[in-house]
């Protein structure tokens, strides 16, 4: 089926005008705006798009949430800092998620009554998000950012889109049986883009986590252990961390700065 893209009704009403499906929101549209697009298997995915004041030439971060979560609960507290750093962002609700961190997952809500999906199935949502921003004409650097199971999937996304993805951040990448068929290690060897893998200290106590971390390091990828961090991208959220989040933010910001300046 041919992939289709649609702007959200909310964004159109805010803009006070009608847009054709796939057309970019006008400059006066709400920023951020809610967007909606379709995957290759016809799942309707919802997300929030913020276009930096520099326009579509600004670097763009694709933000993907952890299992049981949703885009707004995980990233609304982090996006303002990313926007201040000069990035546009697209944060989506994947088909595998919920309200575990608060809020609700719009994509899952829209699938009421549909069959359940595994973590690997959500990869199609990441591919659709990448296709959406390409179709919308974003011309700056593309950075893929994942949390937990989506941290594993962004490695695959970058490995399969070497000409498009310029950098990858993987917060607590999942592994093991739930990721059978889409383990990050299967794709990390093929990465051309720089990869930063982050883990909280408490997770390093698990043997399979420590092994995965060591494998990434052996492949030459950058890694960081947050001494007072928590699981996934929440290690950057001061409301979810007992202590300062600045050490991990400094690592993230340095990585992002290098990613957007390298040729």
C-alpha atoms as a PDB file:
ATOM      1  CA  UNK A   1       0.000   0.000   0.000  1.00  0.00           C
ATOM      2  CA  UNK A   2       1.285   3.446  -0.855  1.00  0.00           C
ATOM      3  CA  UNK A   3       2.308   5.407   2.263  1.00  0.00           C
ATOM      4  CA  UNK A   4       0.089   8.406   3.029  1.00  0.00           C
ATOM      5  CA  UNK A   5       0.745  11.425   5.228  1.00  0.00           C
ATOM      6  CA  UNK A   6      -1.845  13.616   6.942  1.00  0.00           C
ATOM      7  CA  UNK A   7      -1.659  16.781   9.010  1.00  0.00           C
ATOM      8  CA  UNK A   8      -3.794  16.750  12.156  1.00  0.00           C
ATOM      9  CA  UNK A   9      -7.200  18.385  12.324  1.00  0.00           C
ATOM     10  CA  UNK A  10      -6.100  20.252  15.452  1.00  0.00           C
ATOM     11  CA  UNK A  11      -3.185  21.836  13.626  1.00  0.00           C
ATOM     12  CA  UNK A  12      -5.387  22.838  10.712  1.00  0.00           C
ATOM     13  CA  UNK A  13      -7.970  24.469  12.950  1.00  0.00           C
ATOM     14  CA  UNK A  14      -5.246  26.363  14.771  1.00  0.00           C
ATOM     15  CA  UNK A  15      -3.880  27.609  11.479  1.00  0.00           C
ATOM     16  CA  UNK A  16      -7.373  28.655  10.433  1.00  0.00           C
ATOM     17  CA  UNK A  17      -7.007  27.201   6.955  1.00  0.00           C
ATOM     18  CA  UNK A  18      -7.144  23.909   5.091  1.00  0.00           C
ATOM     19  CA  UNK A  19      -4.045  22.044   3.972  1.00  0.00           C
ATOM     20  CA  UNK A  20      -3.774  19.234   1.506  1.00  0.00           C
ATOM     21  CA  UNK A  21      -2.617  15.923   2.949  1.00  0.00           C
ATOM     22  CA  UNK A  22       1.195  15.904   3.061  1.00  0.00           C
ATOM     23  CA  UNK A  23       1.552  19.685   2.726  1.00  0.00           C
ATOM     24  CA  UNK A  24       3.776  21.403   5.294  1.00  0.00           C
ATOM     25  CA  UNK A  25       2.047  23.468   8.031  1.00  0.00           C
ATOM     26  CA  UNK A  26       2.154  27.225   7.348  1.00  0.00           C
ATOM     27  CA  UNK A  27       4.453  29.490   9.335  1.00  0.00           C
ATOM     28  CA  UNK A  28       1.579  30.781  11.476  1.00  0.00           C
ATOM     29  CA  UNK A  29       0.459  27.266  12.498  1.00  0.00           C
ATOM     30  CA  UNK A  30       0.738  26.203  16.131  1.00  0.00           C
ATOM     31  CA  UNK A  31       4.277  25.228  17.062  1.00  0.00           C
ATOM     32  CA  UNK A  32       4.480  22.477  18.127  1.00  0.00           C
ATOM     33  CA  UNK A  33       1.686  20.985  16.064  1.00  0.00           C
ATOM     34  CA  UNK A  34       0.093  17.571  16.264  1.00  0.00           C
ATOM     35  CA  UNK A  35       0.672  15.466  13.169  1.00  0.00           C
ATOM     36  CA  UNK A  36      -0.636  12.164  11.922  1.00  0.00           C
ATOM     37  CA  UNK A  37       0.763   9.826   9.280  1.00  0.00           C
ATOM     38  CA  UNK A  38       0.479   6.211   8.169  1.00  0.00           C
ATOM     39  CA  UNK A  39       2.933   3.334   8.323  1.00  0.00           C
ATOM     40  CA  UNK A  40       3.613   0.831   5.551  1.00  0.00           C
ATOM     41  CA  UNK A  41       1.106  -1.529   7.224  1.00  0.00           C
ATOM     42  CA  UNK A  42      -1.552   1.215   7.439  1.00  0.00           C
ATOM     43  CA  UNK A  43      -1.254   2.025  11.167  1.00  0.00           C
ATOM     44  CA  UNK A  44      -2.171   5.645  11.959  1.00  0.00           C
ATOM     45  CA  UNK A  45       0.660   7.179  14.032  1.00  0.00           C
ATOM     46  CA  UNK A  46       0.273  10.389  16.022  1.00  0.00           C
ATOM     47  CA  UNK A  47       3.063  12.746  17.031  1.00  0.00           C
ATOM     48  CA  UNK A  48       4.108  16.291  17.876  1.00  0.00           C
ATOM     49  CA  UNK A  49       6.263  18.289  15.480  1.00  0.00           C
ATOM     50  CA  UNK A  50       8.242  21.370  16.522  1.00  0.00           C
ATOM     51  CA  UNK A  51       9.910  23.394  13.765  1.00  0.00           C
ATOM     52  CA  UNK A  52      12.783  25.541  15.001  1.00  0.00           C
ATOM     53  CA  UNK A  53      12.776  29.239  14.147  1.00  0.00           C
ATOM     54  CA  UNK A  54      15.648  28.544  11.740  1.00  0.00           C
ATOM     55  CA  UNK A  55      13.182  26.540   9.698  1.00  0.00           C
ATOM     56  CA  UNK A  56      13.544  23.119   8.136  1.00  0.00           C
ATOM     57  CA  UNK A  57      17.280  23.518   7.640  1.00  0.00           C
ATOM     58  CA  UNK A  58      17.777  23.204  11.417  1.00  0.00           C
ATOM     59  CA  UNK A  59      18.926  19.787  12.684  1.00  0.00           C
ATOM     60  CA  UNK A  60      16.046  17.482  13.576  1.00  0.00           C
ATOM     61  CA  UNK A  61      15.760  14.940  16.388  1.00  0.00           C
ATOM     62  CA  UNK A  62      13.371  12.009  16.032  1.00  0.00           C
ATOM     63  CA  UNK A  63      12.228  11.101  19.566  1.00  0.00           C
ATOM     64  CA  UNK A  64      10.902   7.610  20.328  1.00  0.00           C
ATOM     65  CA  UNK A  65       9.549   6.573  23.749  1.00  0.00           C
ATOM     66  CA  UNK A  66       9.988   3.518  25.962  1.00  0.00           C
ATOM     67  CA  UNK A  67       7.644   0.557  26.441  1.00  0.00           C
ATOM     68  CA  UNK A  68       4.340   1.365  28.114  1.00  0.00           C
ATOM     69  CA  UNK A  69       4.885   5.075  27.508  1.00  0.00           C
ATOM     70  CA  UNK A  70       4.056   7.840  25.090  1.00  0.00           C
ATOM     71  CA  UNK A  71       5.772  10.807  23.460  1.00  0.00           C
ATOM     72  CA  UNK A  72       4.389  13.602  25.606  1.00  0.00           C
ATOM     73  CA  UNK A  73       4.942  11.939  28.979  1.00  0.00           C
ATOM     74  CA  UNK A  74       8.545  11.094  28.176  1.00  0.00           C
ATOM     75  CA  UNK A  75       9.648  14.090  26.134  1.00  0.00           C
ATOM     76  CA  UNK A  76       7.577  17.199  26.871  1.00  0.00           C
ATOM     77  CA  UNK A  77       9.902  18.046  29.772  1.00  0.00           C
ATOM     78  CA  UNK A  78      13.027  17.497  27.649  1.00  0.00           C
ATOM     79  CA  UNK A  79      12.062  19.129  24.361  1.00  0.00           C
ATOM     80  CA  UNK A  80      12.367  22.788  25.491  1.00  0.00           C
ATOM     81  CA  UNK A  81      16.057  22.259  26.200  1.00  0.00           C
ATOM     82  CA  UNK A  82      16.566  20.588  22.831  1.00  0.00           C
ATOM     83  CA  UNK A  83      14.764  23.448  21.102  1.00  0.00           C
ATOM     84  CA  UNK A  84      16.969  25.973  22.915  1.00  0.00           C
ATOM     85  CA  UNK A  85      19.981  24.068  21.606  1.00  0.00           C
ATOM     86  CA  UNK A  86      18.745  24.692  18.063  1.00  0.00           C
ATOM     87  CA  UNK A  87      16.898  21.480  17.184  1.00  0.00           C
ATOM     88  CA  UNK A  88      13.549  20.792  15.612  1.00  0.00           C
ATOM     89  CA  UNK A  89      11.863  17.702  17.053  1.00  0.00           C
ATOM     90  CA  UNK A  90       9.330  15.063  16.085  1.00  0.00           C
ATOM     91  CA  UNK A  91       8.134  12.914  18.998  1.00  0.00           C
ATOM     92  CA  UNK A  92       5.721  10.106  18.124  1.00  0.00           C
ATOM     93  CA  UNK A  93       3.451   7.663  19.926  1.00  0.00           C
ATOM     94  CA  UNK A  94       4.463   4.186  18.789  1.00  0.00           C
ATOM     95  CA  UNK A  95       1.987   1.332  18.524  1.00  0.00           C
ATOM     96  CA  UNK A  96       3.624  -0.353  21.527  1.00  0.00           C
ATOM     97  CA  UNK A  97       3.033   2.014  24.477  1.00  0.00           C
ATOM     98  CA  UNK A  98       0.527   3.313  26.995  1.00  0.00           C
ATOM     99  CA  UNK A  99       0.150   5.550  30.035  1.00  0.00           C
ATOM    100  CA  UNK A 100       2.830   4.158  32.345  1.00  0.00           C
ATOM    101  CA  UNK A 101       4.629   7.509  32.639  1.00  0.00           C
ATOM    102  CA  UNK A 102       1.388   9.504  32.592  1.00  0.00           C
ATOM    103  CA  UNK A 103      -0.672  10.906  29.747  1.00  0.00           C
ATOM    104  CA  UNK A 104      -1.924   8.566  27.054  1.00  0.00           C
ATOM    105  CA  UNK A 105      -0.712   7.046  23.824  1.00  0.00           C
ATOM    106  CA  UNK A 106      -2.784   8.401  20.936  1.00  0.00           C
ATOM    107  CA  UNK A 107      -1.677   5.745  18.477  1.00  0.00           C
ATOM    108  CA  UNK A 108      -2.612   2.928  20.850  1.00  0.00           C
ATOM    109  CA  UNK A 109      -5.930   4.610  21.661  1.00  0.00           C
ATOM    110  CA  UNK A 110      -6.691   4.776  17.945  1.00  0.00           C
ATOM    111  CA  UNK A 111      -5.997   1.035  17.696  1.00  0.00           C
ATOM    112  CA  UNK A 112      -8.698   0.090  20.226  1.00  0.00           C
ATOM    113  CA  UNK A 113      -9.799  -3.451  19.480  1.00  0.00           C
ATOM    114  CA  UNK A 114      -6.848  -4.141  17.183  1.00  0.00           C
ATOM    115  CA  UNK A 115      -4.432  -7.064  17.731  1.00  0.00           C
ATOM    116  CA  UNK A 116      -1.522  -6.451  20.089  1.00  0.00           C
ATOM    117  CA  UNK A 117       1.958  -5.849  18.726  1.00  0.00           C
ATOM    118  CA  UNK A 118       5.449  -6.866  19.787  1.00  0.00           C
ATOM    119  CA  UNK A 119       8.343  -4.464  20.257  1.00  0.00           C
ATOM    120  CA  UNK A 120       9.883  -5.349  16.911  1.00  0.00           C
ATOM    121  CA  UNK A 121       6.599  -4.548  15.154  1.00  0.00           C
ATOM    122  CA  UNK A 122       6.967  -0.904  16.180  1.00  0.00           C
ATOM    123  CA  UNK A 123       9.972  -0.550  13.872  1.00  0.00           C
ATOM    124  CA  UNK A 124       7.533   0.316  11.080  1.00  0.00           C
ATOM    125  CA  UNK A 125       6.489   3.375  13.110  1.00  0.00           C
ATOM    126  CA  UNK A 126      10.089   4.622  13.206  1.00  0.00           C
ATOM    127  CA  UNK A 127      10.486   4.131   9.463  1.00  0.00           C
ATOM    128  CA  UNK A 128       7.241   6.020   8.873  1.00  0.00           C
ATOM    129  CA  UNK A 129       8.398   8.907  11.088  1.00  0.00           C
ATOM    130  CA  UNK A 130      11.615   9.177   9.101  1.00  0.00           C
ATOM    131  CA  UNK A 131       9.716   9.060   5.815  1.00  0.00           C
ATOM    132  CA  UNK A 132       7.331  11.742   7.098  1.00  0.00           C
ATOM    133  CA  UNK A 133      10.037  14.303   7.903  1.00  0.00           C
ATOM    134  CA  UNK A 134      11.790  13.604   4.618  1.00  0.00           C
ATOM    135  CA  UNK A 135       8.517  14.147   2.799  1.00  0.00           C
ATOM    136  CA  UNK A 136       8.010  17.404   4.714  1.00  0.00           C
ATOM    137  CA  UNK A 137      11.322  18.730   3.387  1.00  0.00           C
ATOM    138  CA  UNK A 138      13.557  18.848   6.469  1.00  0.00           C
ATOM    139  CA  UNK A 139      17.055  19.323   5.096  1.00  0.00           C
ATOM    140  CA  UNK A 140      19.274  19.533   8.184  1.00  0.00           C
ATOM    141  CA  UNK A 141      20.994  16.735  10.084  1.00  0.00           C
ATOM    142  CA  UNK A 142      18.766  13.865  11.236  1.00  0.00           C
ATOM    143  CA  UNK A 143      19.328  12.395  14.704  1.00  0.00           C
ATOM    144  CA  UNK A 144      17.511   9.292  15.986  1.00  0.00           C
ATOM    145  CA  UNK A 145      16.867   9.126  19.742  1.00  0.00           C
ATOM    146  CA  UNK A 146      15.430   6.017  21.410  1.00  0.00           C
ATOM    147  CA  UNK A 147      14.496   4.924  24.916  1.00  0.00           C
ATOM    148  CA  UNK A 148      14.456   1.299  26.134  1.00  0.00           C
ATOM    149  CA  UNK A 149      12.922  -0.861  23.368  1.00  0.00           C
ATOM    150  CA  UNK A 150      12.972   2.041  20.902  1.00  0.00           C
ATOM    151  CA  UNK A 151      16.667   2.561  21.765  1.00  0.00           C
ATOM    152  CA  UNK A 152      17.226  -0.848  20.215  1.00  0.00           C
ATOM    153  CA  UNK A 153      15.090   0.029  17.213  1.00  0.00           C
ATOM    154  CA  UNK A 154      16.903   3.305  16.435  1.00  0.00           C
ATOM    155  CA  UNK A 155      20.115   1.331  15.944  1.00  0.00           C
ATOM    156  CA  UNK A 156      18.323  -0.671  13.274  1.00  0.00           C
ATOM    157  CA  UNK A 157      16.843   2.510  11.772  1.00  0.00           C
ATOM    158  CA  UNK A 158      20.280   4.093  11.432  1.00  0.00           C
ATOM    159  CA  UNK A 159      21.879   0.916  10.072  1.00  0.00           C
ATOM    160  CA  UNK A 160      19.224   0.691   7.352  1.00  0.00           C
ATOM    161  CA  UNK A 161      19.276   4.407   6.543  1.00  0.00           C
ATOM    162  CA  UNK A 162      22.974   5.199   6.484  1.00  0.00           C
ATOM    163  CA  UNK A 163      22.572   8.076   4.037  1.00  0.00           C
ATOM    164  CA  UNK A 164      19.933   9.794   6.151  1.00  0.00           C
ATOM    165  CA  UNK A 165      20.586   9.301   9.875  1.00  0.00           C
ATOM    166  CA  UNK A 166      23.588  11.328  11.054  1.00  0.00           C
ATOM    167  CA  UNK A 167      23.731  10.292  14.735  1.00  0.00           C
ATOM    168  CA  UNK A 168      22.025   7.952  17.211  1.00  0.00           C
ATOM    169  CA  UNK A 169      21.332   8.172  20.943  1.00  0.00           C
ATOM    170  CA  UNK A 170      20.254   4.960  22.685  1.00  0.00           C
ATOM    171  CA  UNK A 171      19.067   5.256  26.295  1.00  0.00           C
ATOM    172  CA  UNK A 172      18.934   1.845  28.064  1.00  0.00           C
ATOM    173  CA  UNK A 173      18.589  -0.193  24.845  1.00  0.00           C
ATOM    174  CA  UNK A 174      16.506  -3.325  25.382  1.00  0.00           C
ATOM    175  CA  UNK A 175      17.735  -6.814  24.570  1.00  0.00           C
ATOM    176  CA  UNK A 176      16.815 -10.433  25.146  1.00  0.00           C
ATOM    177  CA  UNK A 177      13.719 -12.440  24.253  1.00  0.00           C
ATOM    178  CA  UNK A 178      11.304  -9.476  23.803  1.00  0.00           C
ATOM    179  CA  UNK A 179      13.644  -8.113  21.126  1.00  0.00           C
ATOM    180  CA  UNK A 180      14.138 -11.407  19.265  1.00  0.00           C
ATOM    181  CA  UNK A 181      14.556 -10.514  15.623  1.00  0.00           C
ATOM    182  CA  UNK A 182      15.516  -6.892  16.242  1.00  0.00           C
ATOM    183  CA  UNK A 183      18.374  -7.038  18.762  1.00  0.00           C
ATOM    184  CA  UNK A 184      20.495  -3.879  18.492  1.00  0.00           C
ATOM    185  CA  UNK A 185      23.735  -5.857  18.346  1.00  0.00           C
ATOM    186  CA  UNK A 186      22.549  -7.360  15.052  1.00  0.00           C
ATOM    187  CA  UNK A 187      22.692  -3.891  13.464  1.00  0.00           C
ATOM    188  CA  UNK A 188      25.341  -2.013  15.443  1.00  0.00           C
ATOM    189  CA  UNK A 189      28.140  -3.492  13.358  1.00  0.00           C
ATOM    190  CA  UNK A 190      26.656  -1.869  10.249  1.00  0.00           C
ATOM    191  CA  UNK A 191      26.297   1.614  11.711  1.00  0.00           C
ATOM    192  CA  UNK A 192      27.964   4.448   9.844  1.00  0.00           C
ATOM    193  CA  UNK A 193      26.591   7.188  12.111  1.00  0.00           C
ATOM    194  CA  UNK A 194      28.086   7.853  15.557  1.00  0.00           C
ATOM    195  CA  UNK A 195      26.235   6.129  18.394  1.00  0.00           C
ATOM    196  CA  UNK A 196      25.986   7.142  22.060  1.00  0.00           C
ATOM    197  CA  UNK A 197      24.707   4.434  24.431  1.00  0.00           C
ATOM    198  CA  UNK A 198      23.626   5.530  27.923  1.00  0.00           C
ATOM    199  CA  UNK A 199      22.778   3.445  30.980  1.00  0.00           C
ATOM    200  CA  UNK A 200      22.037   4.208  34.639  1.00  0.00           C
ATOM    201  CA  UNK A 201      24.512   2.644  37.063  1.00  0.00           C
ATOM    202  CA  UNK A 202      21.835   0.436  38.637  1.00  0.00           C
ATOM    203  CA  UNK A 203      21.202  -1.380  35.341  1.00  0.00           C
ATOM    204  CA  UNK A 204      24.853  -2.302  34.933  1.00  0.00           C
ATOM    205  CA  UNK A 205      24.423  -4.857  37.719  1.00  0.00           C
ATOM    206  CA  UNK A 206      22.604  -7.172  35.306  1.00  0.00           C
ATOM    207  CA  UNK A 207      24.857  -9.558  33.410  1.00  0.00           C
ATOM    208  CA  UNK A 208      23.068  -9.242  30.058  1.00  0.00           C
ATOM    209  CA  UNK A 209      23.148  -5.436  30.299  1.00  0.00           C
ATOM    210  CA  UNK A 210      26.847  -5.361  31.121  1.00  0.00           C
ATOM    211  CA  UNK A 211      27.568  -7.697  28.202  1.00  0.00           C
ATOM    212  CA  UNK A 212      25.572  -5.586  25.767  1.00  0.00           C
ATOM    213  CA  UNK A 213      27.350  -2.464  27.008  1.00  0.00           C
ATOM    214  CA  UNK A 214      30.745  -4.128  26.575  1.00  0.00           C
ATOM    215  CA  UNK A 215      29.806  -5.274  23.060  1.00  0.00           C
ATOM    216  CA  UNK A 216      28.948  -1.696  22.044  1.00  0.00           C
ATOM    217  CA  UNK A 217      32.250  -0.477  23.473  1.00  0.00           C
ATOM    218  CA  UNK A 218      34.185  -3.200  21.632  1.00  0.00           C
ATOM    219  CA  UNK A 219      32.572  -2.039  18.385  1.00  0.00           C
ATOM    220  CA  UNK A 220      33.944   1.443  19.078  1.00  0.00           C
ATOM    221  CA  UNK A 221      30.676   3.167  19.988  1.00  0.00           C
ATOM    222  CA  UNK A 222      30.578   5.885  22.644  1.00  0.00           C
ATOM    223  CA  UNK A 223      29.066   4.922  25.998  1.00  0.00           C
ATOM    224  CA  UNK A 224      28.171   6.568  29.278  1.00  0.00           C
ATOM    225  CA  UNK A 225      27.008   5.339  32.690  1.00  0.00           C
ATOM    226  CA  UNK A 226      24.849   7.785  34.670  1.00  0.00           C
ATOM    227  CA  UNK A 227      25.678   7.320  38.339  1.00  0.00           C
ATOM    228  CA  UNK A 228      22.284   8.531  39.552  1.00  0.00           C
ATOM    229  CA  UNK A 229      20.272   7.849  36.398  1.00  0.00           C
ATOM    230  CA  UNK A 230      17.039   5.956  35.843  1.00  0.00           C
ATOM    231  CA  UNK A 231      15.775   3.851  32.942  1.00  0.00           C
ATOM    232  CA  UNK A 232      15.637   5.314  29.455  1.00  0.00           C
ATOM    233  CA  UNK A 233      15.423   8.982  28.538  1.00  0.00           C
ATOM    234  CA  UNK A 234      13.962   9.659  31.980  1.00  0.00           C
ATOM    235  CA  UNK A 235      17.558   9.873  33.203  1.00  0.00           C
ATOM    236  CA  UNK A 236      17.464  13.446  31.833  1.00  0.00           C
ATOM    237  CA  UNK A 237      14.278  14.390  33.679  1.00  0.00           C
ATOM    238  CA  UNK A 238      14.964  16.024  37.086  1.00  0.00           C
ATOM    239  CA  UNK A 239      11.468  15.068  38.275  1.00  0.00           C
ATOM    240  CA  UNK A 240      12.363  11.368  37.898  1.00  0.00           C
ATOM    241  CA  UNK A 241      15.954  11.379  39.126  1.00  0.00           C
ATOM    242  CA  UNK A 242      17.149  11.607  42.709  1.00  0.00           C
ATOM    243  CA  UNK A 243      19.959  14.097  42.190  1.00  0.00           C
ATOM    244  CA  UNK A 244      21.339  16.253  39.412  1.00  0.00           C
ATOM    245  CA  UNK A 245      20.739  15.339  35.774  1.00  0.00           C
ATOM    246  CA  UNK A 246      23.359  17.797  34.522  1.00  0.00           C
ATOM    247  CA  UNK A 247      26.192  15.248  34.158  1.00  0.00           C
ATOM    248  CA  UNK A 248      24.195  13.203  31.652  1.00  0.00           C
ATOM    249  CA  UNK A 249      22.882  16.312  29.896  1.00  0.00           C
ATOM    250  CA  UNK A 250      26.454  17.517  29.409  1.00  0.00           C
ATOM    251  CA  UNK A 251      27.363  14.235  27.717  1.00  0.00           C
ATOM    252  CA  UNK A 252      24.268  14.381  25.525  1.00  0.00           C
ATOM    253  CA  UNK A 253      24.795  18.002  24.519  1.00  0.00           C
ATOM    254  CA  UNK A 254      28.455  17.432  23.649  1.00  0.00           C
ATOM    255  CA  UNK A 255      27.484  14.447  21.493  1.00  0.00           C
ATOM    256  CA  UNK A 256      24.744  16.415  19.726  1.00  0.00           C
ATOM    257  CA  UNK A 257      27.022  19.371  19.088  1.00  0.00           C
ATOM    258  CA  UNK A 258      29.656  17.133  17.538  1.00  0.00           C
ATOM    259  CA  UNK A 259      27.023  15.358  15.455  1.00  0.00           C
ATOM    260  CA  UNK A 260      25.707  18.538  13.853  1.00  0.00           C
ATOM    261  CA  UNK A 261      29.119  20.035  13.128  1.00  0.00           C
ATOM    262  CA  UNK A 262      30.877  17.022  11.643  1.00  0.00           C
ATOM    263  CA  UNK A 263      30.777  16.581   7.874  1.00  0.00           C
END
